[in-house]
Amino acid sequence: MKVSVWYVAVTALFVTCLITANILAVKLISPLGLLLPAGVIIFPLSYLIGDILTEVYGYSAARFVIWLGFFCNLLAVLAFFIGGLIPSAGVWHDQKAFDAILGSTPRALFASFISYIVGEFSNSFILAKLKIATKGRWLWMRTIGSTFVGEGFDSIIFISIVFWNILPPALIITAILTQWIVKVLYEVAATPLTYIVVNFLKRQESIDTYDYHTNFNPFGVH
């Protein structure tokens, strides 16, 4: 696939949203009485951008960006970890704040990476298959439907791993459903923007990919 400036721009936005969301996630917020990680402000954008990538450029292009996001996030985590280990200067007294914001437990990191991979690939796979099944119609149904599944996997896996044996099962289920619903509603609200960006990119790129002969193996290269 020929790489264009628009594809690079969308890729950069995807990776930025992912890494920013993971940093924001350390803060808990309570809008309208709902307990949510602050990462919910921007994380659903990664699914919206994933939808755009799959719809315009196809599953293979989206697969590359998903893995790129994974390794960029891994690099950021390693940099934060090493930065936290290096002794601080005598004039700097904010090590605890640094560790609280940028440090992560192995359990949370494992949950984050696994939920991300499963959720993003589920989202892209379902969107690509639905595009073929609907012959490219009903974009709104395809983006919302794929996000419903992808964000569902993401929320279930992440919260179950992080809070297993910490919160009672009822609270875990509540947390999963709350995040799931909020993220899907985010996608619904952003549907008009998705249409605008998708139509713009298709015109600029003169491309509208259908994955009839695509290898859907997440570890594939073609």
Protein backbone atom coordinates (compact mmCIF):
# COMPACT_ATOMS: atom_id res chain seq x y z
CA MET A 1 0.00 0.00 0.00
CA LYS A 2 1.26 3.46 -0.91
CA VAL A 3 1.69 5.54 2.24
CA SER A 4 0.15 9.00 2.04
CA VAL A 5 0.41 12.05 4.27
CA TRP A 6 -3.19 11.46 5.37
CA TYR A 7 -2.48 7.88 6.42
CA VAL A 8 0.52 9.09 8.43
CA ALA A 9 -1.60 11.80 10.06
CA VAL A 10 -4.35 9.36 11.07
CA THR A 11 -1.73 6.92 12.39
CA ALA A 12 -0.12 9.65 14.49
CA LEU A 13 -3.49 10.61 15.95
CA PHE A 14 -4.22 6.97 16.82
CA VAL A 15 -0.93 6.48 18.68
CA THR A 16 -1.26 9.84 20.45
CA CYS A 17 -4.75 9.00 21.67
CA LEU A 18 -3.62 5.60 22.92
CA ILE A 19 -0.60 6.81 24.92
CA THR A 20 -2.43 9.87 26.26
CA ALA A 21 -5.36 7.73 27.40
CA ASN A 22 -3.06 5.36 29.27
CA ILE A 23 -1.50 8.26 31.19
CA LEU A 24 -4.88 9.86 31.93
CA ALA A 25 -6.25 6.53 33.16
CA VAL A 26 -4.47 6.85 36.52
CA LYS A 27 -6.99 9.50 37.53
CA LEU A 28 -10.51 8.47 38.45
CA ILE A 29 -13.33 10.86 37.61
CA SER A 30 -17.00 10.83 38.58
CA PRO A 31 -19.14 12.63 36.00
CA LEU A 32 -22.85 12.31 36.80
CA GLY A 33 -21.98 10.00 39.67
CA LEU A 34 -20.26 7.45 37.41
CA LEU A 35 -16.83 6.18 38.46
CA LEU A 36 -14.58 6.19 35.40
CA PRO A 37 -10.88 6.50 34.56
CA ALA A 38 -10.04 9.88 33.04
CA GLY A 39 -8.70 8.02 30.01
CA VAL A 40 -12.30 7.64 28.85
CA ILE A 41 -12.05 11.26 27.69
CA ILE A 42 -9.85 10.27 24.77
CA PHE A 43 -9.48 6.48 24.58
CA PRO A 44 -12.69 5.93 22.58
CA LEU A 45 -11.13 8.12 19.88
CA SER A 46 -8.68 5.31 19.20
CA TYR A 47 -11.66 3.11 18.24
CA LEU A 48 -13.12 5.86 16.10
CA ILE A 49 -9.77 6.29 14.34
CA GLY A 50 -9.47 2.50 14.03
CA ASP A 51 -12.87 2.49 12.31
CA ILE A 52 -11.67 5.16 9.90
CA LEU A 53 -8.48 3.26 9.11
CA THR A 54 -10.32 0.01 8.42
CA GLU A 55 -13.12 1.66 6.43
CA VAL A 56 -10.81 3.67 4.18
CA TYR A 57 -7.53 1.75 4.03
CA GLY A 58 -8.59 -1.78 4.97
CA TYR A 59 -7.86 -4.32 7.68
CA SER A 60 -4.19 -4.80 6.76
CA ALA A 61 -3.44 -1.09 7.14
CA ALA A 62 -5.35 -0.98 10.42
CA ARG A 63 -3.49 -4.07 11.66
CA PHE A 64 -0.15 -2.33 11.11
CA VAL A 65 -1.31 0.73 13.06
CA ILE A 66 -2.69 -1.39 15.92
CA TRP A 67 0.67 -3.11 16.35
CA LEU A 68 2.50 0.19 15.95
CA GLY A 69 0.38 1.61 18.76
CA PHE A 70 1.16 -1.43 20.89
CA PHE A 71 4.93 -1.07 20.52
CA CYS A 72 4.86 2.72 20.90
CA ASN A 73 2.94 2.29 24.14
CA LEU A 74 5.40 -0.37 25.26
CA LEU A 75 8.28 2.02 24.53
CA ALA A 76 6.59 4.75 26.58
CA VAL A 77 6.05 2.37 29.51
CA LEU A 78 9.70 1.25 29.43
CA ALA A 79 10.86 4.88 29.31
CA PHE A 80 8.67 5.76 32.30
CA PHE A 81 9.96 2.70 34.18
CA ILE A 82 13.63 3.51 33.55
CA GLY A 83 13.04 7.18 34.33
CA GLY A 84 11.54 6.17 37.64
CA LEU A 85 14.51 3.95 38.53
CA ILE A 86 17.20 6.54 37.87
CA PRO A 87 18.04 8.41 41.11
CA SER A 88 16.54 11.89 41.10
CA ALA A 89 18.52 15.10 41.46
CA GLY A 90 18.85 16.46 44.98
CA VAL A 91 16.81 19.55 44.11
CA TRP A 92 13.87 17.48 42.83
CA HIS A 93 11.42 16.12 45.40
CA ASP A 94 8.51 14.78 43.35
CA GLN A 95 9.49 11.13 42.95
CA LYS A 96 6.33 9.89 44.64
CA ALA A 97 4.17 11.98 42.33
CA PHE A 98 6.15 10.71 39.32
CA ASP A 99 5.66 7.09 40.38
CA ALA A 100 1.97 7.63 41.13
CA ILE A 101 1.24 9.10 37.69
CA LEU A 102 3.68 7.32 35.37
CA GLY A 103 4.39 4.11 37.26
CA SER A 104 2.23 1.05 36.61
CA THR A 105 1.84 -2.30 38.31
CA PRO A 106 2.62 -5.42 36.23
CA ARG A 107 -0.99 -6.52 36.63
CA ALA A 108 -2.37 -3.27 35.23
CA LEU A 109 0.12 -3.29 32.35
CA PHE A 110 -0.75 -6.86 31.43
CA ALA A 111 -4.45 -6.04 31.53
CA SER A 112 -3.94 -2.92 29.44
CA PHE A 113 -1.93 -4.64 26.71
CA ILE A 114 -4.17 -7.70 26.44
CA SER A 115 -7.43 -5.73 26.45
CA TYR A 116 -6.05 -3.33 23.84
CA ILE A 117 -4.98 -6.05 21.41
CA VAL A 118 -8.19 -8.08 21.73
CA GLY A 119 -10.47 -5.04 21.60
CA GLU A 120 -8.83 -3.25 18.68
CA PHE A 121 -8.49 -6.34 16.50
CA SER A 122 -12.08 -7.39 17.23
CA ASN A 123 -13.26 -3.93 16.25
CA SER A 124 -11.30 -3.87 12.98
CA PHE A 125 -12.19 -7.46 12.03
CA ILE A 126 -15.92 -7.00 12.56
CA LEU A 127 -15.99 -3.68 10.73
CA ALA A 128 -14.16 -5.15 7.72
CA LYS A 129 -16.45 -8.18 7.58
CA LEU A 130 -19.59 -6.08 7.98
CA LYS A 131 -18.45 -3.82 5.15
CA ILE A 132 -18.34 -6.82 2.83
CA ALA A 133 -21.65 -8.17 4.11
CA THR A 134 -23.45 -4.84 3.68
CA LYS A 135 -21.66 -3.93 0.43
CA GLY A 136 -20.39 -0.76 2.05
CA ARG A 137 -23.77 0.50 3.24
CA TRP A 138 -24.87 1.64 6.70
CA LEU A 139 -21.54 2.91 7.95
CA TRP A 140 -23.18 4.04 11.20
CA MET A 141 -24.36 0.52 11.94
CA ARG A 142 -20.97 -0.97 11.16
CA THR A 143 -18.95 1.47 13.29
CA ILE A 144 -21.29 1.29 16.27
CA GLY A 145 -21.64 -2.49 16.01
CA SER A 146 -17.90 -3.12 15.80
CA THR A 147 -17.22 -0.68 18.63
CA PHE A 148 -19.86 -2.37 20.77
CA VAL A 149 -17.97 -5.66 20.47
CA GLY A 150 -14.44 -4.24 20.62
CA GLU A 151 -15.05 -1.93 23.57
CA GLY A 152 -16.93 -4.75 25.27
CA PHE A 153 -13.92 -7.04 25.10
CA ASP A 154 -11.64 -4.20 26.18
CA SER A 155 -13.73 -3.31 29.23
CA ILE A 156 -14.37 -6.90 30.30
CA ILE A 157 -10.73 -8.00 30.02
CA PHE A 158 -9.14 -4.91 31.57
CA ILE A 159 -11.45 -4.48 34.55
CA SER A 160 -11.69 -8.21 35.28
CA ILE A 161 -7.90 -8.61 35.40
CA VAL A 162 -7.15 -5.41 37.34
CA PHE A 163 -9.87 -5.77 39.96
CA TRP A 164 -10.10 -9.55 40.32
CA ASN A 165 -9.99 -10.42 44.06
CA ILE A 166 -9.98 -6.67 44.83
CA LEU A 167 -13.60 -5.67 44.19
CA PRO A 168 -16.68 -7.80 44.76
CA PRO A 169 -18.11 -9.37 41.57
CA ALA A 170 -21.13 -7.05 41.59
CA LEU A 171 -18.93 -3.95 41.52
CA ILE A 172 -16.73 -5.43 38.79
CA ILE A 173 -19.81 -6.04 36.63
CA THR A 174 -21.04 -2.50 37.33
CA ALA A 175 -17.67 -1.02 36.38
CA ILE A 176 -17.56 -3.06 33.16
CA LEU A 177 -21.07 -2.06 32.11
CA THR A 178 -20.48 1.60 32.96
CA GLN A 179 -17.31 1.86 30.89
CA TRP A 180 -18.79 -0.18 28.07
CA ILE A 181 -21.92 1.95 27.81
CA VAL A 182 -20.04 5.26 28.05
CA LYS A 183 -17.55 4.24 25.34
CA VAL A 184 -20.28 3.05 22.97
CA LEU A 185 -22.28 6.23 23.51
CA TYR A 186 -19.10 8.15 22.72
CA GLU A 187 -18.96 6.34 19.37
CA VAL A 188 -22.62 7.07 18.71
CA ALA A 189 -22.15 10.77 19.42
CA ALA A 190 -19.07 10.90 17.19
CA THR A 191 -20.78 9.17 14.24
CA PRO A 192 -21.32 12.42 12.28
CA LEU A 193 -17.61 13.20 12.64
CA THR A 194 -16.76 9.68 11.44
CA TYR A 195 -18.82 10.23 8.29
CA ILE A 196 -17.11 13.56 7.61
CA VAL A 197 -13.58 12.18 8.03
CA VAL A 198 -14.25 8.95 6.11
CA ASN A 199 -15.79 10.77 3.16
CA PHE A 200 -12.98 13.33 3.16
CA LEU A 201 -10.25 10.67 3.17
CA LYS A 202 -11.93 8.59 0.47
CA ARG A 203 -12.04 11.65 -1.77
CA GLN A 204 -8.45 12.67 -1.01
CA GLU A 205 -7.03 9.17 -1.37
CA SER A 206 -9.34 7.96 -4.16
CA ILE A 207 -9.63 4.71 -2.23
CA ASP A 208 -12.37 2.63 -0.62
CA THR A 209 -10.96 -0.71 0.46
CA TYR A 210 -12.96 -3.95 0.67
CA ASP A 211 -11.16 -6.84 2.38
CA TYR A 212 -12.35 -9.64 0.08
CA HIS A 213 -8.97 -11.41 -0.07
CA THR A 214 -7.37 -10.17 3.14
CA ASN A 215 -5.54 -12.40 5.59
CA PHE A 216 -7.31 -11.60 8.87
CA ASN A 217 -4.63 -13.20 11.05
CA PRO A 218 -3.68 -10.48 13.58
CA PHE A 219 -0.07 -11.63 13.23
CA GLY A 220 -0.12 -11.63 9.43
CA VAL A 221 1.91 -9.23 7.31
CA HIS A 222 -0.29 -9.04 4.17
